[in-house]
Amino acid sequence: MDSEKCYDVKITILKKLKVEDIHREYAKSKLPVVCAKGQEGDEFISKNCQISDKFCQGAWEGLKSKVALLASGDNSPYTRQDGIGIHSCNDGLHPVIFKLERL
């Protein structure tokens, strides 16, 4: 991506989900039921396809290819709006839904 335009991408926490039944059956004791990192509405900016300060490294691992897609100028095949992607964290015990938006 060095020679190509690389757009900034805003990452917003849309929704933090509770999966209490799965959590109860599989999670180690004393783990929070809902992700402890960030709050719904929190926003982060990825510049040059890099992780933003204070953004969860685990969530980034699941999102970085989607961020790179939008940053390159391509669009998600799943959303109606160009430059927008809706994706989730890869943590099944603490799922978080993110909105990715090309700036």
Protein backbone atom coordinates (compact mmCIF):
# COMPACT_ATOMS: atom_id res chain seq x y z
CA MET A 1 0.00 0.00 0.00
CA ASP A 2 3.01 2.31 0.14
CA SER A 3 2.58 3.64 -3.41
CA GLU A 4 -1.22 3.73 -3.30
CA LYS A 5 -3.62 6.08 -1.56
CA CYS A 6 -4.34 4.81 1.93
CA TYR A 7 -7.45 6.34 3.46
CA ASP A 8 -7.93 6.70 7.20
CA VAL A 9 -10.60 4.41 8.63
CA LYS A 10 -12.76 5.26 11.65
CA ILE A 11 -13.64 2.28 13.85
CA THR A 12 -16.68 2.71 16.09
CA ILE A 13 -17.91 0.28 18.74
CA LEU A 14 -21.55 -0.24 17.70
CA LYS A 15 -22.63 -2.94 20.13
CA LYS A 16 -21.19 -5.08 22.90
CA LEU A 17 -23.07 -8.35 23.17
CA LYS A 18 -23.78 -10.68 26.08
CA VAL A 19 -23.73 -14.37 25.32
CA GLU A 20 -24.47 -15.48 28.86
CA ASP A 21 -25.33 -19.08 28.03
CA ILE A 22 -22.07 -19.63 26.14
CA HIS A 23 -20.10 -17.65 28.69
CA ARG A 24 -21.57 -19.66 31.57
CA GLU A 25 -20.67 -22.96 29.92
CA TYR A 26 -17.17 -22.17 28.63
CA ALA A 27 -15.59 -19.11 30.27
CA LYS A 28 -13.16 -19.32 33.14
CA SER A 29 -14.53 -18.04 36.43
CA LYS A 30 -14.39 -14.33 37.20
CA LEU A 31 -14.19 -13.28 33.54
CA PRO A 32 -16.59 -10.43 32.75
CA VAL A 33 -19.61 -11.42 30.66
CA VAL A 34 -19.25 -8.34 28.43
CA CYS A 35 -15.97 -7.17 26.88
CA ALA A 36 -14.21 -4.87 29.33
CA LYS A 37 -12.45 -2.83 26.63
CA GLY A 38 -14.16 0.33 25.44
CA GLN A 39 -17.77 1.42 25.44
CA GLU A 40 -20.44 1.54 22.77
CA GLY A 41 -19.89 4.71 20.75
CA ASP A 42 -16.12 4.84 21.29
CA GLU A 43 -14.26 5.79 18.13
CA PHE A 44 -10.72 5.05 16.95
CA ILE A 45 -8.89 6.16 13.80
CA SER A 46 -6.64 3.81 11.87
CA LYS A 47 -4.05 5.76 9.87
CA ASN A 48 -1.99 4.00 7.19
CA CYS A 49 -3.70 0.71 8.07
CA GLN A 50 -2.14 0.73 11.55
CA ILE A 51 -3.77 -0.04 14.87
CA SER A 52 -4.97 3.03 16.74
CA ASP A 53 -3.66 3.80 20.22
CA LYS A 54 -5.74 2.13 22.95
CA PHE A 55 -7.55 -0.16 20.47
CA CYS A 56 -7.82 -3.81 21.49
CA GLN A 57 -5.07 -5.92 19.89
CA GLY A 58 -7.31 -9.00 19.77
CA ALA A 59 -10.09 -7.13 17.96
CA TRP A 60 -7.51 -5.60 15.59
CA GLU A 61 -6.34 -9.06 14.54
CA GLY A 62 -9.85 -9.83 13.31
CA LEU A 63 -10.45 -6.42 11.71
CA LYS A 64 -7.15 -5.42 10.11
CA SER A 65 -7.85 -7.04 6.74
CA LYS A 66 -11.26 -5.32 6.63
CA VAL A 67 -9.66 -1.99 7.55
CA ALA A 68 -7.08 -2.50 4.78
CA LEU A 69 -9.86 -3.19 2.26
CA LEU A 70 -11.61 0.09 3.04
CA ALA A 71 -8.33 2.01 3.35
CA SER A 72 -7.38 0.93 -0.17
CA GLY A 73 -10.62 2.40 -1.56
CA ASP A 74 -12.45 -0.90 -2.01
CA ASN A 75 -15.86 -1.57 -0.47
CA SER A 76 -17.34 -4.29 1.69
CA PRO A 77 -19.40 -6.77 -0.33
CA TYR A 78 -21.91 -6.96 2.53
CA THR A 79 -23.05 -3.38 3.16
CA ARG A 80 -25.24 -1.09 1.06
CA GLN A 81 -23.11 1.99 1.71
CA ASP A 82 -19.76 2.43 -0.03
CA GLY A 83 -16.89 2.92 2.40
CA ILE A 84 -18.73 1.25 5.32
CA GLY A 85 -18.11 -2.17 6.84
CA ILE A 86 -19.80 -3.90 9.77
CA HIS A 87 -17.63 -6.56 11.38
CA SER A 88 -17.17 -8.24 14.72
CA CYS A 89 -14.38 -9.04 17.11
CA ASN A 90 -13.07 -12.59 16.99
CA ASP A 91 -13.70 -13.22 20.72
CA GLY A 92 -16.68 -15.55 20.96
CA LEU A 93 -17.06 -15.09 24.72
CA HIS A 94 -17.14 -11.28 24.49
CA PRO A 95 -18.46 -10.37 21.01
CA VAL A 96 -18.28 -6.76 19.89
CA ILE A 97 -19.74 -5.34 16.65
CA PHE A 98 -17.76 -2.57 14.94
CA LYS A 99 -18.59 -0.07 12.22
CA LEU A 100 -15.64 0.66 9.92
CA GLU A 101 -15.87 3.87 7.91
CA ARG A 102 -13.49 5.12 5.25
CA LEU A 103 -12.71 8.79 5.83
